[in-house]
Amino acid sequence: MQTLTQKLVDQGLENRLLTEKQLARVLDGSKQRRFGLVNRALKAGELHRLSRGRYLLADRFRDYPGHPFALAQALVPGSYVSFETALAHHGWIPEAVRTTSCVTPGRKTLSFDTEKFGQFSFHPMAVYTDRLLELVQRIQITRQTMLVADPLRAMMDLVCLRKTEWQGMEWLTEGMRIDEEHLESIRHTDLTKLMLVYRQKRVNSFLKSLARELGHD
């Protein structure tokens, strides 16, 4: 076991996402020495780099495997999992999704590529800030807490991101391959809640058309 790995385990940090500041508190000596210890742990496969200055210990040293959804929130605090990632998680679309796509409360689109966990992408949304977490649930998977959009919220975040106009139910059932049974399960109250979330008139028009199509107008 590498020196860095042993120190992290000894201090109970094996399950944490680690920053340069945390490593500096754990390791004695110069920045150059710390850089060498980090590189040796990376080469030994005991440490994974998630982004510049952010690391995670390998699963064999952790109490539970790191989950991409929880890591996304650690990479960009305040974000939540949405878009195709959340739709696949809820079983609303059949395709497996390799990118963990999230909504960020910030103003910049961000992207991180990792060898172990694939790509993470973060997108700002034109929403009212006090409604950012409407229809977003806090869930737990393998003892890790994460924020994940409900299916309807994830679908409408995607509409907002792509600036999609209403094209009829076929865009959802054929283009997105969402089963009609899922769409029919959408509640009027949830559609109403989302009409107070988005700043774009296009998105609210989409919601109103969807409500009419589902008989909720």
N, C-alpha and C. Protein backbone atom coordinates (compact mmCIF):
# COMPACT_ATOMS: atom_id res chain seq x y z
N MET A 1 0.85 -1.19 0.00
CA MET A 1 0.00 0.00 0.00
C MET A 1 0.89 1.25 0.00
N GLN A 2 0.55 2.20 -0.85
CA GLN A 2 1.32 3.42 -0.94
C GLN A 2 1.20 4.26 0.34
N THR A 3 2.21 5.11 0.56
CA THR A 3 2.23 5.95 1.76
C THR A 3 0.98 6.83 1.85
N LEU A 4 0.62 7.46 0.75
CA LEU A 4 -0.56 8.32 0.73
C LEU A 4 -1.82 7.54 1.07
N THR A 5 -1.98 6.39 0.45
CA THR A 5 -3.15 5.56 0.69
C THR A 5 -3.26 5.19 2.16
N GLN A 6 -2.16 4.78 2.76
CA GLN A 6 -2.16 4.38 4.17
C GLN A 6 -2.55 5.55 5.07
N LYS A 7 -2.04 6.72 4.78
CA LYS A 7 -2.35 7.89 5.60
C LYS A 7 -3.84 8.25 5.50
N LEU A 8 -4.39 8.16 4.31
CA LEU A 8 -5.81 8.48 4.13
C LEU A 8 -6.70 7.49 4.87
N VAL A 9 -6.35 6.21 4.80
CA VAL A 9 -7.12 5.19 5.50
C VAL A 9 -6.99 5.37 7.01
N ASP A 10 -5.79 5.65 7.47
CA ASP A 10 -5.56 5.82 8.90
C ASP A 10 -6.37 6.99 9.46
N GLN A 11 -6.61 8.02 8.64
CA GLN A 11 -7.33 9.19 9.11
C GLN A 11 -8.83 9.14 8.79
N GLY A 12 -9.29 7.98 8.31
CA GLY A 12 -10.72 7.82 8.06
C GLY A 12 -11.25 8.59 6.87
N LEU A 13 -10.40 8.85 5.89
CA LEU A 13 -10.79 9.64 4.72
C LEU A 13 -10.98 8.78 3.48
N GLU A 14 -11.07 7.47 3.67
CA GLU A 14 -11.10 6.57 2.51
C GLU A 14 -12.35 6.73 1.64
N ASN A 15 -13.44 7.26 2.20
CA ASN A 15 -14.69 7.39 1.44
C ASN A 15 -14.93 8.80 0.91
N ARG A 16 -13.98 9.68 1.12
CA ARG A 16 -14.15 11.09 0.76
C ARG A 16 -13.61 11.40 -0.62
N LEU A 17 -14.21 12.40 -1.27
CA LEU A 17 -13.58 13.00 -2.43
C LEU A 17 -12.52 13.96 -1.89
N LEU A 18 -11.30 13.84 -2.36
CA LEU A 18 -10.17 14.52 -1.75
C LEU A 18 -9.67 15.67 -2.62
N THR A 19 -9.43 16.80 -2.01
CA THR A 19 -8.91 17.97 -2.71
C THR A 19 -7.44 18.17 -2.36
N GLU A 20 -6.79 19.06 -3.08
CA GLU A 20 -5.38 19.38 -2.80
C GLU A 20 -5.21 19.90 -1.38
N LYS A 21 -6.17 20.71 -0.91
CA LYS A 21 -6.08 21.25 0.44
C LYS A 21 -6.15 20.15 1.48
N GLN A 22 -7.03 19.15 1.26
CA GLN A 22 -7.13 18.04 2.20
C GLN A 22 -5.85 17.22 2.20
N LEU A 23 -5.29 16.99 1.02
CA LEU A 23 -4.04 16.23 0.94
C LEU A 23 -2.90 16.97 1.62
N ALA A 24 -2.90 18.29 1.51
CA ALA A 24 -1.85 19.08 2.16
C ALA A 24 -1.93 18.96 3.68
N ARG A 25 -3.15 18.82 4.20
CA ARG A 25 -3.30 18.66 5.65
C ARG A 25 -2.87 17.26 6.10
N VAL A 26 -3.01 16.29 5.23
CA VAL A 26 -2.67 14.90 5.58
C VAL A 26 -1.18 14.63 5.45
N LEU A 27 -0.56 15.21 4.43
CA LEU A 27 0.83 14.88 4.11
C LEU A 27 1.79 15.95 4.63
N ASP A 28 2.88 15.50 5.21
CA ASP A 28 3.93 16.42 5.64
C ASP A 28 4.85 16.74 4.47
N GLY A 29 5.61 17.80 4.64
CA GLY A 29 6.63 18.10 3.64
C GLY A 29 6.20 19.09 2.59
N SER A 30 7.00 19.17 1.55
CA SER A 30 6.83 20.17 0.51
C SER A 30 5.74 19.78 -0.50
N LYS A 31 5.38 20.75 -1.32
CA LYS A 31 4.42 20.50 -2.40
C LYS A 31 4.98 19.48 -3.37
N GLN A 32 6.28 19.52 -3.59
CA GLN A 32 6.92 18.58 -4.51
C GLN A 32 6.82 17.15 -3.97
N ARG A 33 7.02 16.98 -2.66
CA ARG A 33 6.90 15.66 -2.06
C ARG A 33 5.46 15.15 -2.18
N ARG A 34 4.51 16.03 -1.93
CA ARG A 34 3.09 15.66 -2.03
C ARG A 34 2.76 15.25 -3.47
N PHE A 35 3.27 15.98 -4.42
CA PHE A 35 3.05 15.67 -5.83
C PHE A 35 3.58 14.27 -6.16
N GLY A 36 4.76 13.94 -5.61
CA GLY A 36 5.34 12.63 -5.86
C GLY A 36 4.52 11.51 -5.25
N LEU A 37 4.02 11.71 -4.03
CA LEU A 37 3.20 10.68 -3.38
C LEU A 37 1.89 10.47 -4.11
N VAL A 38 1.28 11.55 -4.59
CA VAL A 38 0.03 11.44 -5.35
C VAL A 38 0.27 10.68 -6.64
N ASN A 39 1.34 11.00 -7.35
CA ASN A 39 1.64 10.33 -8.61
C ASN A 39 1.90 8.84 -8.41
N ARG A 40 2.59 8.50 -7.34
CA ARG A 40 2.86 7.08 -7.09
C ARG A 40 1.56 6.32 -6.79
N ALA A 41 0.67 6.94 -6.04
CA ALA A 41 -0.63 6.30 -5.75
C ALA A 41 -1.46 6.17 -7.01
N LEU A 42 -1.39 7.16 -7.89
CA LEU A 42 -2.12 7.08 -9.16
C LEU A 42 -1.57 5.95 -10.03
N LYS A 43 -0.26 5.85 -10.14
CA LYS A 43 0.35 4.81 -10.97
C LYS A 43 0.09 3.42 -10.42
N ALA A 44 -0.04 3.31 -9.09
CA ALA A 44 -0.32 2.02 -8.46
C ALA A 44 -1.79 1.64 -8.55
N GLY A 45 -2.63 2.53 -9.08
CA GLY A 45 -4.05 2.25 -9.18
C GLY A 45 -4.77 2.35 -7.85
N GLU A 46 -4.16 2.97 -6.86
CA GLU A 46 -4.78 3.10 -5.54
C GLU A 46 -5.55 4.41 -5.41
N LEU A 47 -5.31 5.32 -6.34
CA LEU A 47 -5.96 6.62 -6.33
C LEU A 47 -6.45 6.94 -7.74
N HIS A 48 -7.64 7.54 -7.85
CA HIS A 48 -8.19 7.95 -9.15
C HIS A 48 -8.29 9.48 -9.18
N ARG A 49 -7.89 10.06 -10.32
CA ARG A 49 -8.07 11.50 -10.50
C ARG A 49 -9.41 11.75 -11.17
N LEU A 50 -10.27 12.55 -10.53
CA LEU A 50 -11.58 12.89 -11.11
C LEU A 50 -11.51 14.17 -11.93
N SER A 51 -10.78 15.14 -11.43
CA SER A 51 -10.55 16.39 -12.14
C SER A 51 -9.28 16.98 -11.57
N ARG A 52 -8.87 18.10 -12.07
CA ARG A 52 -7.63 18.70 -11.58
C ARG A 52 -7.75 19.00 -10.08
N GLY A 53 -6.89 18.36 -9.30
CA GLY A 53 -6.86 18.61 -7.87
C GLY A 53 -7.92 17.90 -7.06
N ARG A 54 -8.61 16.91 -7.67
CA ARG A 54 -9.65 16.15 -6.95
C ARG A 54 -9.46 14.67 -7.21
N TYR A 55 -9.47 13.90 -6.12
CA TYR A 55 -9.10 12.49 -6.20
C TYR A 55 -10.05 11.62 -5.37
N LEU A 56 -10.00 10.32 -5.67
CA LEU A 56 -10.81 9.34 -4.95
C LEU A 56 -10.00 8.07 -4.79
N LEU A 57 -10.04 7.49 -3.61
CA LEU A 57 -9.34 6.22 -3.42
C LEU A 57 -10.03 5.10 -4.19
N ALA A 58 -9.26 4.11 -4.60
CA ALA A 58 -9.80 2.95 -5.31
C ALA A 58 -10.79 2.19 -4.42
N ASP A 59 -11.71 1.51 -5.06
CA ASP A 59 -12.80 0.83 -4.34
C ASP A 59 -12.30 -0.13 -3.27
N ARG A 60 -11.16 -0.77 -3.51
CA ARG A 60 -10.70 -1.79 -2.56
C ARG A 60 -10.30 -1.21 -1.20
N PHE A 61 -10.14 0.11 -1.14
CA PHE A 61 -9.80 0.75 0.13
C PHE A 61 -11.01 1.45 0.77
N ARG A 62 -12.11 1.46 0.07
CA ARG A 62 -13.31 2.15 0.54
C ARG A 62 -14.28 1.17 1.22
N ASP A 63 -15.23 1.73 1.96
CA ASP A 63 -16.28 0.90 2.57
C ASP A 63 -17.35 0.55 1.55
N TYR A 64 -17.47 1.33 0.49
CA TYR A 64 -18.47 1.10 -0.57
C TYR A 64 -17.95 1.78 -1.84
N PRO A 65 -18.34 1.28 -3.01
CA PRO A 65 -17.87 1.88 -4.27
C PRO A 65 -18.39 3.30 -4.44
N GLY A 66 -17.57 4.15 -4.99
CA GLY A 66 -18.03 5.50 -5.29
C GLY A 66 -19.10 5.47 -6.36
N HIS A 67 -20.19 6.21 -6.13
CA HIS A 67 -21.28 6.26 -7.12
C HIS A 67 -21.17 7.54 -7.93
N PRO A 68 -21.29 7.46 -9.26
CA PRO A 68 -21.14 8.65 -10.10
C PRO A 68 -22.08 9.79 -9.72
N PHE A 69 -23.31 9.47 -9.30
CA PHE A 69 -24.26 10.54 -8.95
C PHE A 69 -23.77 11.33 -7.74
N ALA A 70 -23.26 10.63 -6.74
CA ALA A 70 -22.74 11.30 -5.55
C ALA A 70 -21.47 12.08 -5.88
N LEU A 71 -20.64 11.52 -6.74
CA LEU A 71 -19.41 12.20 -7.13
C LEU A 71 -19.72 13.48 -7.91
N ALA A 72 -20.78 13.45 -8.71
CA ALA A 72 -21.16 14.64 -9.46
C ALA A 72 -21.45 15.80 -8.52
N GLN A 73 -22.17 15.53 -7.44
CA GLN A 73 -22.48 16.59 -6.49
C GLN A 73 -21.25 17.06 -5.72
N ALA A 74 -20.29 16.16 -5.56
CA ALA A 74 -19.04 16.56 -4.91
C ALA A 74 -18.19 17.41 -5.85
N LEU A 75 -18.24 17.09 -7.15
CA LEU A 75 -17.49 17.87 -8.12
C LEU A 75 -18.05 19.28 -8.28
N VAL A 76 -19.37 19.38 -8.32
CA VAL A 76 -20.03 20.69 -8.44
C VAL A 76 -21.13 20.77 -7.39
N PRO A 77 -20.83 21.28 -6.21
CA PRO A 77 -21.83 21.37 -5.15
C PRO A 77 -23.06 22.17 -5.59
N GLY A 78 -24.23 21.67 -5.19
CA GLY A 78 -25.48 22.33 -5.56
C GLY A 78 -26.09 21.81 -6.84
N SER A 79 -25.35 20.96 -7.56
CA SER A 79 -25.87 20.39 -8.81
C SER A 79 -26.78 19.21 -8.51
N TYR A 80 -27.55 18.78 -9.50
CA TYR A 80 -28.35 17.56 -9.37
C TYR A 80 -28.34 16.81 -10.70
N VAL A 81 -28.52 15.50 -10.63
CA VAL A 81 -28.50 14.63 -11.81
C VAL A 81 -29.82 14.79 -12.57
N SER A 82 -29.74 14.97 -13.88
CA SER A 82 -30.95 15.20 -14.66
C SER A 82 -30.75 14.68 -16.09
N PHE A 83 -31.57 15.20 -17.02
CA PHE A 83 -31.49 14.88 -18.45
C PHE A 83 -31.61 13.37 -18.70
N GLU A 84 -30.91 12.86 -19.70
CA GLU A 84 -31.01 11.44 -20.04
C GLU A 84 -30.51 10.55 -18.90
N THR A 85 -29.57 11.05 -18.11
CA THR A 85 -29.03 10.25 -17.01
C THR A 85 -30.13 9.90 -16.01
N ALA A 86 -30.91 10.89 -15.62
CA ALA A 86 -32.00 10.64 -14.67
C ALA A 86 -33.12 9.83 -15.32
N LEU A 87 -33.41 10.11 -16.59
CA LEU A 87 -34.46 9.34 -17.28
C LEU A 87 -34.08 7.87 -17.36
N ALA A 88 -32.82 7.57 -17.63
CA ALA A 88 -32.37 6.17 -17.67
C ALA A 88 -32.42 5.56 -16.27
N HIS A 89 -32.03 6.33 -15.27
CA HIS A 89 -32.07 5.84 -13.89
C HIS A 89 -33.48 5.43 -13.48
N HIS A 90 -34.47 6.21 -13.92
CA HIS A 90 -35.87 5.92 -13.57
C HIS A 90 -36.51 4.90 -14.51
N GLY A 91 -35.78 4.47 -15.54
CA GLY A 91 -36.32 3.49 -16.48
C GLY A 91 -37.25 4.08 -17.51
N TRP A 92 -37.15 5.40 -17.74
CA TRP A 92 -38.04 6.04 -18.72
C TRP A 92 -37.50 5.96 -20.14
N ILE A 93 -36.21 5.75 -20.31
CA ILE A 93 -35.65 5.54 -21.64
C ILE A 93 -34.84 4.24 -21.60
N PRO A 94 -34.81 3.51 -22.72
CA PRO A 94 -34.18 2.18 -22.70
C PRO A 94 -32.67 2.20 -22.81
N GLU A 95 -32.10 3.26 -23.34
CA GLU A 95 -30.66 3.27 -23.59
C GLU A 95 -29.85 3.47 -22.31
N ALA A 96 -28.71 2.81 -22.24
CA ALA A 96 -27.76 3.08 -21.17
C ALA A 96 -27.07 4.41 -21.47
N VAL A 97 -26.81 5.17 -20.44
CA VAL A 97 -26.21 6.50 -20.60
C VAL A 97 -24.85 6.49 -19.93
N ARG A 98 -23.81 6.83 -20.69
CA ARG A 98 -22.45 6.78 -20.14
C ARG A 98 -22.04 8.08 -19.46
N THR A 99 -22.64 9.18 -19.86
CA THR A 99 -22.31 10.47 -19.26
C THR A 99 -23.24 10.75 -18.09
N THR A 100 -22.69 11.20 -16.98
CA THR A 100 -23.51 11.65 -15.86
C THR A 100 -23.79 13.14 -16.08
N SER A 101 -25.01 13.44 -16.54
CA SER A 101 -25.36 14.81 -16.91
C SER A 101 -26.17 15.46 -15.80
N CYS A 102 -25.81 16.69 -15.48
CA CYS A 102 -26.39 17.36 -14.33
C CYS A 102 -26.76 18.80 -14.66
N VAL A 103 -27.65 19.34 -13.85
CA VAL A 103 -27.95 20.77 -13.87
C VAL A 103 -27.09 21.42 -12.80
N THR A 104 -26.45 22.51 -13.15
CA THR A 104 -25.62 23.23 -12.20
C THR A 104 -26.26 24.58 -11.86
N PRO A 105 -26.14 25.01 -10.61
CA PRO A 105 -26.65 26.34 -10.25
C PRO A 105 -25.75 27.45 -10.76
N GLY A 106 -24.58 27.10 -11.27
CA GLY A 106 -23.66 28.11 -11.79
C GLY A 106 -24.06 28.59 -13.18
N ARG A 107 -23.19 29.40 -13.77
CA ARG A 107 -23.50 30.01 -15.07
C ARG A 107 -22.71 29.39 -16.22
N LYS A 108 -21.77 28.51 -15.90
CA LYS A 108 -20.91 27.96 -16.94
C LYS A 108 -21.17 26.46 -17.14
N THR A 109 -21.10 26.03 -18.40
CA THR A 109 -21.14 24.61 -18.70
C THR A 109 -19.77 24.02 -18.39
N LEU A 110 -19.78 22.92 -17.66
CA LEU A 110 -18.53 22.28 -17.26
C LEU A 110 -18.54 20.82 -17.70
N SER A 111 -17.34 20.27 -17.93
CA SER A 111 -17.22 18.89 -18.32
C SER A 111 -15.95 18.30 -17.74
N PHE A 112 -16.05 17.08 -17.21
CA PHE A 112 -14.90 16.38 -16.66
C PHE A 112 -14.87 14.96 -17.25
N ASP A 113 -13.72 14.55 -17.72
CA ASP A 113 -13.54 13.19 -18.24
C ASP A 113 -12.69 12.40 -17.25
N THR A 114 -13.20 11.25 -16.81
CA THR A 114 -12.46 10.41 -15.89
C THR A 114 -12.30 9.02 -16.49
N GLU A 115 -11.20 8.39 -16.16
CA GLU A 115 -10.93 7.06 -16.70
C GLU A 115 -11.87 6.02 -16.11
N LYS A 116 -12.17 6.14 -14.82
CA LYS A 116 -12.98 5.12 -14.14
C LYS A 116 -14.48 5.36 -14.27
N PHE A 117 -14.92 6.62 -14.15
CA PHE A 117 -16.35 6.91 -14.06
C PHE A 117 -16.93 7.54 -15.32
N GLY A 118 -16.13 7.66 -16.37
CA GLY A 118 -16.64 8.25 -17.60
C GLY A 118 -16.71 9.76 -17.52
N GLN A 119 -17.62 10.31 -18.29
CA GLN A 119 -17.72 11.77 -18.39
C GLN A 119 -18.79 12.32 -17.47
N PHE A 120 -18.52 13.49 -16.91
CA PHE A 120 -19.49 14.26 -16.15
C PHE A 120 -19.71 15.58 -16.89
N SER A 121 -20.97 15.97 -17.05
CA SER A 121 -21.26 17.26 -17.67
C SER A 121 -22.25 18.03 -16.81
N PHE A 122 -22.08 19.33 -16.75
CA PHE A 122 -22.89 20.20 -15.91
C PHE A 122 -23.38 21.37 -16.75
N HIS A 123 -24.70 21.60 -16.73
CA HIS A 123 -25.30 22.61 -17.59
C HIS A 123 -26.15 23.58 -16.77
N PRO A 124 -25.97 24.88 -16.96
CA PRO A 124 -26.85 25.85 -16.29
C PRO A 124 -28.22 25.86 -16.96
N MET A 125 -29.25 26.18 -16.19
CA MET A 125 -30.61 26.22 -16.69
C MET A 125 -31.21 27.60 -16.47
N ALA A 126 -32.06 28.03 -17.41
CA ALA A 126 -32.77 29.30 -17.26
C ALA A 126 -34.00 29.07 -16.38
N VAL A 127 -33.77 29.01 -15.06
CA VAL A 127 -34.85 28.75 -14.11
C VAL A 127 -34.81 29.81 -13.02
N TYR A 128 -35.92 29.91 -12.30
CA TYR A 128 -35.96 30.78 -11.12
C TYR A 128 -35.22 30.08 -9.99
N THR A 129 -34.27 30.79 -9.38
CA THR A 129 -33.36 30.15 -8.44
C THR A 129 -34.07 29.52 -7.25
N ASP A 130 -35.18 30.11 -6.81
CA ASP A 130 -35.87 29.54 -5.66
C ASP A 130 -36.65 28.28 -6.02
N ARG A 131 -36.71 27.96 -7.33
CA ARG A 131 -37.40 26.75 -7.79
C ARG A 131 -36.43 25.73 -8.38
N LEU A 132 -35.15 25.94 -8.17
CA LEU A 132 -34.15 25.07 -8.81
C LEU A 132 -34.36 23.60 -8.49
N LEU A 133 -34.76 23.28 -7.27
CA LEU A 133 -34.88 21.89 -6.85
C LEU A 133 -36.32 21.38 -6.85
N GLU A 134 -37.18 22.03 -7.61
CA GLU A 134 -38.56 21.54 -7.74
C GLU A 134 -38.55 20.19 -8.45
N LEU A 135 -39.24 19.21 -7.87
CA LEU A 135 -39.30 17.83 -8.40
C LEU A 135 -37.90 17.21 -8.52
N VAL A 136 -37.04 17.54 -7.57
CA VAL A 136 -35.73 16.91 -7.43
C VAL A 136 -35.71 16.22 -6.07
N GLN A 137 -35.36 14.94 -6.07
CA GLN A 137 -35.42 14.15 -4.84
C GLN A 137 -34.02 13.85 -4.30
N ARG A 138 -33.92 13.82 -2.99
CA ARG A 138 -32.69 13.39 -2.33
C ARG A 138 -32.81 11.89 -2.07
N ILE A 139 -31.92 11.10 -2.66
CA ILE A 139 -31.99 9.64 -2.52
C ILE A 139 -30.66 9.12 -1.98
N GLN A 140 -30.68 7.86 -1.53
CA GLN A 140 -29.46 7.22 -1.06
C GLN A 140 -29.22 5.92 -1.81
N ILE A 141 -27.99 5.74 -2.28
CA ILE A 141 -27.56 4.51 -2.93
C ILE A 141 -26.20 4.15 -2.33
N THR A 142 -26.07 2.94 -1.87
CA THR A 142 -24.84 2.46 -1.22
C THR A 142 -24.28 3.48 -0.24
N ARG A 143 -25.16 3.93 0.67
CA ARG A 143 -24.78 4.81 1.77
C ARG A 143 -24.31 6.18 1.31
N GLN A 144 -24.62 6.53 0.07
CA GLN A 144 -24.24 7.85 -0.45
C GLN A 144 -25.50 8.63 -0.82
N THR A 145 -25.52 9.89 -0.47
CA THR A 145 -26.67 10.74 -0.74
C THR A 145 -26.46 11.51 -2.03
N MET A 146 -27.52 11.60 -2.83
CA MET A 146 -27.42 12.30 -4.11
C MET A 146 -28.76 12.93 -4.48
N LEU A 147 -28.70 13.97 -5.28
CA LEU A 147 -29.90 14.66 -5.76
C LEU A 147 -30.18 14.23 -7.19
N VAL A 148 -31.40 13.73 -7.43
CA VAL A 148 -31.76 13.22 -8.75
C VAL A 148 -33.13 13.78 -9.15
N ALA A 149 -33.23 14.30 -10.34
CA ALA A 149 -34.50 14.84 -10.84
C ALA A 149 -35.52 13.74 -11.03
N ASP A 150 -36.79 14.02 -10.69
CA ASP A 150 -37.88 13.13 -11.05
C ASP A 150 -37.94 13.03 -12.58
N PRO A 151 -38.58 11.98 -13.12
CA PRO A 151 -38.59 11.81 -14.58
C PRO A 151 -39.14 13.03 -15.34
N LEU A 152 -40.25 13.59 -14.88
CA LEU A 152 -40.82 14.74 -15.58
C LEU A 152 -39.86 15.92 -15.56
N ARG A 153 -39.25 16.17 -14.41
CA ARG A 153 -38.30 17.29 -14.32
C ARG A 153 -37.10 17.04 -15.25
N ALA A 154 -36.59 15.82 -15.27
CA ALA A 154 -35.46 15.49 -16.14
C ALA A 154 -35.83 15.70 -17.61
N MET A 155 -37.04 15.30 -17.97
CA MET A 155 -37.50 15.45 -19.35
C MET A 155 -37.61 16.92 -19.74
N MET A 156 -38.15 17.73 -18.83
CA MET A 156 -38.32 19.15 -19.13
C MET A 156 -37.00 19.90 -19.07
N ASP A 157 -36.07 19.46 -18.24
CA ASP A 157 -34.72 20.04 -18.27
C ASP A 157 -34.09 19.81 -19.63
N LEU A 158 -34.34 18.64 -20.19
CA LEU A 158 -33.80 18.32 -21.52
C LEU A 158 -34.44 19.20 -22.58
N VAL A 159 -35.75 19.42 -22.47
CA VAL A 159 -36.45 20.31 -23.39
C VAL A 159 -35.86 21.72 -23.30
N CYS A 160 -35.60 22.17 -22.08
CA CYS A 160 -35.02 23.49 -21.86
C CYS A 160 -33.62 23.58 -22.44
N LEU A 161 -32.80 22.56 -22.19
CA LEU A 161 -31.42 22.56 -22.67
C LEU A 161 -31.36 22.57 -24.19
N ARG A 162 -32.21 21.77 -24.83
CA ARG A 162 -32.18 21.65 -26.29
C ARG A 162 -33.00 22.73 -26.99
N LYS A 163 -33.70 23.55 -26.22
CA LYS A 163 -34.57 24.60 -26.76
C LYS A 163 -35.58 24.00 -27.74
N THR A 164 -36.22 22.93 -27.29
CA THR A 164 -37.14 22.17 -28.13
C THR A 164 -38.54 22.76 -28.11
N GLU A 165 -39.11 22.90 -29.28
CA GLU A 165 -40.51 23.32 -29.41
C GLU A 165 -41.40 22.07 -29.32
N TRP A 166 -42.66 22.27 -28.94
CA TRP A 166 -43.61 21.16 -28.92
C TRP A 166 -43.80 20.60 -30.32
N GLN A 167 -43.61 19.29 -30.47
CA GLN A 167 -43.74 18.63 -31.76
C GLN A 167 -44.72 17.47 -31.70
N GLY A 168 -45.55 17.46 -30.68
CA GLY A 168 -46.49 16.36 -30.52
C GLY A 168 -45.88 15.25 -29.68
N MET A 169 -46.72 14.31 -29.31
CA MET A 169 -46.28 13.21 -28.45
C MET A 169 -45.25 12.31 -29.13
N GLU A 170 -45.21 12.35 -30.48
CA GLU A 170 -44.27 11.49 -31.20
C GLU A 170 -42.82 11.82 -30.85
N TRP A 171 -42.54 13.08 -30.56
CA TRP A 171 -41.17 13.45 -30.20
C TRP A 171 -40.75 12.73 -28.92
N LEU A 172 -41.71 12.54 -28.02
CA LEU A 172 -41.43 11.87 -26.75
C LEU A 172 -41.43 10.35 -26.90
N THR A 173 -42.44 9.82 -27.60
CA THR A 173 -42.59 8.36 -27.69
C THR A 173 -41.66 7.74 -28.72
N GLU A 174 -41.37 8.45 -29.80
CA GLU A 174 -40.51 7.91 -30.85
C GLU A 174 -39.11 8.50 -30.80
N GLY A 175 -39.04 9.81 -30.66
CA GLY A 175 -37.73 10.45 -30.61
C GLY A 175 -36.97 10.12 -29.34
N MET A 176 -37.64 10.27 -28.19
CA MET A 176 -37.01 9.98 -26.91
C MET A 176 -37.21 8.53 -26.49
N ARG A 177 -38.15 7.84 -27.13
CA ARG A 177 -38.48 6.43 -26.83
C ARG A 177 -39.00 6.26 -25.40
N ILE A 178 -39.80 7.24 -24.98
CA ILE A 178 -40.45 7.16 -23.67
C ILE A 178 -41.77 6.44 -23.83
N ASP A 179 -42.01 5.43 -23.02
CA ASP A 179 -43.23 4.65 -23.11
C ASP A 179 -44.45 5.50 -22.76
N GLU A 180 -45.55 5.28 -23.50
CA GLU A 180 -46.76 6.06 -23.27
C GLU A 180 -47.28 5.90 -21.84
N GLU A 181 -47.08 4.72 -21.25
CA GLU A 181 -47.54 4.50 -19.88
C GLU A 181 -46.84 5.43 -18.90
N HIS A 182 -45.58 5.71 -19.14
CA HIS A 182 -44.87 6.65 -18.29
C HIS A 182 -45.46 8.05 -18.43
N LEU A 183 -45.71 8.44 -19.66
CA LEU A 183 -46.26 9.78 -19.89
C LEU A 183 -47.65 9.92 -19.28
N GLU A 184 -48.44 8.86 -19.37
CA GLU A 184 -49.80 8.90 -18.82
C GLU A 184 -49.80 8.95 -17.29
N SER A 185 -48.66 8.61 -16.69
CA SER A 185 -48.56 8.65 -15.22
C SER A 185 -48.25 10.05 -14.70
N ILE A 186 -47.97 10.98 -15.61
CA ILE A 186 -47.63 12.35 -15.19
C ILE A 186 -48.85 13.00 -14.53
N ARG A 187 -48.62 13.64 -13.39
CA ARG A 187 -49.71 14.24 -12.64
C ARG A 187 -49.87 15.72 -13.00
N HIS A 188 -51.11 16.15 -12.97
CA HIS A 188 -51.42 17.55 -13.27
C HIS A 188 -50.70 18.48 -12.30
N THR A 189 -50.64 18.10 -11.03
CA THR A 189 -49.99 18.95 -10.04
C THR A 189 -48.51 19.15 -10.35
N ASP A 190 -47.85 18.13 -10.87
CA ASP A 190 -46.43 18.26 -11.21
C ASP A 190 -46.22 19.16 -12.43
N LEU A 191 -47.12 19.06 -13.40
CA LEU A 191 -47.04 19.97 -14.55
C LEU A 191 -47.21 21.41 -14.09
N THR A 192 -48.13 21.64 -13.18
CA THR A 192 -48.39 22.98 -12.67
C THR A 192 -47.17 23.52 -11.92
N LYS A 193 -46.53 22.66 -11.13
CA LYS A 193 -45.33 23.08 -10.39
C LYS A 193 -44.23 23.52 -11.34
N LEU A 194 -44.04 22.78 -12.42
CA LEU A 194 -42.95 23.09 -13.34
C LEU A 194 -43.22 24.35 -14.16
N MET A 195 -44.46 24.74 -14.28
CA MET A 195 -44.78 25.98 -14.99
C MET A 195 -44.28 27.21 -14.24
N LEU A 196 -43.88 27.02 -12.99
CA LEU A 196 -43.34 28.12 -12.19
C LEU A 196 -41.82 28.06 -12.09
N VAL A 197 -41.21 27.12 -12.80
CA VAL A 197 -39.77 26.88 -12.68
C VAL A 197 -38.96 27.58 -13.77
N TYR A 198 -39.38 27.43 -15.02
CA TYR A 198 -38.55 27.84 -16.16
C TYR A 198 -38.83 29.27 -16.60
N ARG A 199 -37.76 29.95 -16.96
CA ARG A 199 -37.89 31.32 -17.45
C ARG A 199 -38.25 31.38 -18.94
N GLN A 200 -37.98 30.31 -19.67
CA GLN A 200 -38.22 30.31 -21.11
C GLN A 200 -39.70 30.10 -21.43
N LYS A 201 -40.26 30.97 -22.24
CA LYS A 201 -41.65 30.81 -22.66
C LYS A 201 -41.83 29.52 -23.46
N ARG A 202 -40.80 29.15 -24.20
CA ARG A 202 -40.85 27.93 -25.01
C ARG A 202 -41.11 26.69 -24.15
N VAL A 203 -40.46 26.64 -22.98
CA VAL A 203 -40.62 25.48 -22.10
C VAL A 203 -42.03 25.45 -21.51
N ASN A 204 -42.52 26.59 -21.09
CA ASN A 204 -43.87 26.64 -20.52
C ASN A 204 -44.93 26.33 -21.57
N SER A 205 -44.67 26.75 -22.81
CA SER A 205 -45.59 26.41 -23.89
C SER A 205 -45.59 24.90 -24.11
N PHE A 206 -44.42 24.27 -24.02
CA PHE A 206 -44.31 22.81 -24.15
C PHE A 206 -45.11 22.14 -23.04
N LEU A 207 -44.97 22.63 -21.82
CA LEU A 207 -45.70 22.06 -20.69
C LEU A 207 -47.21 22.17 -20.88
N LYS A 208 -47.66 23.30 -21.36
CA LYS A 208 -49.10 23.49 -21.59
C LYS A 208 -49.61 22.56 -22.68
N SER A 209 -48.83 22.40 -23.75
CA SER A 209 -49.23 21.48 -24.82
C SER A 209 -49.25 20.05 -24.33
N LEU A 210 -48.28 19.67 -23.52
CA LEU A 210 -48.24 18.33 -22.95
C LEU A 210 -49.45 18.11 -22.03
N ALA A 211 -49.79 19.11 -21.24
CA ALA A 211 -50.95 19.01 -20.35
C ALA A 211 -52.22 18.80 -21.15
N ARG A 212 -52.38 19.54 -22.24
CA ARG A 212 -53.57 19.38 -23.08
C ARG A 212 -53.63 17.99 -23.68
N GLU A 213 -52.50 17.51 -24.16
CA GLU A 213 -52.44 16.19 -24.79
C GLU A 213 -52.79 15.09 -23.79
N LEU A 214 -52.42 15.29 -22.53
CA LEU A 214 -52.70 14.30 -21.49
C LEU A 214 -54.05 14.50 -20.83
N GLY A 215 -54.77 15.52 -21.30
CA GLY A 215 -56.12 15.78 -20.74
C GLY A 215 -56.10 16.48 -19.41
N HIS A 216 -55.01 17.25 -19.13
CA HIS A 216 -54.88 17.94 -17.85
C HIS A 216 -55.13 19.43 -17.97
N ASP A 217 -55.58 19.89 -19.14
CA ASP A 217 -55.77 21.33 -19.30
C ASP A 217 -57.05 21.80 -18.58
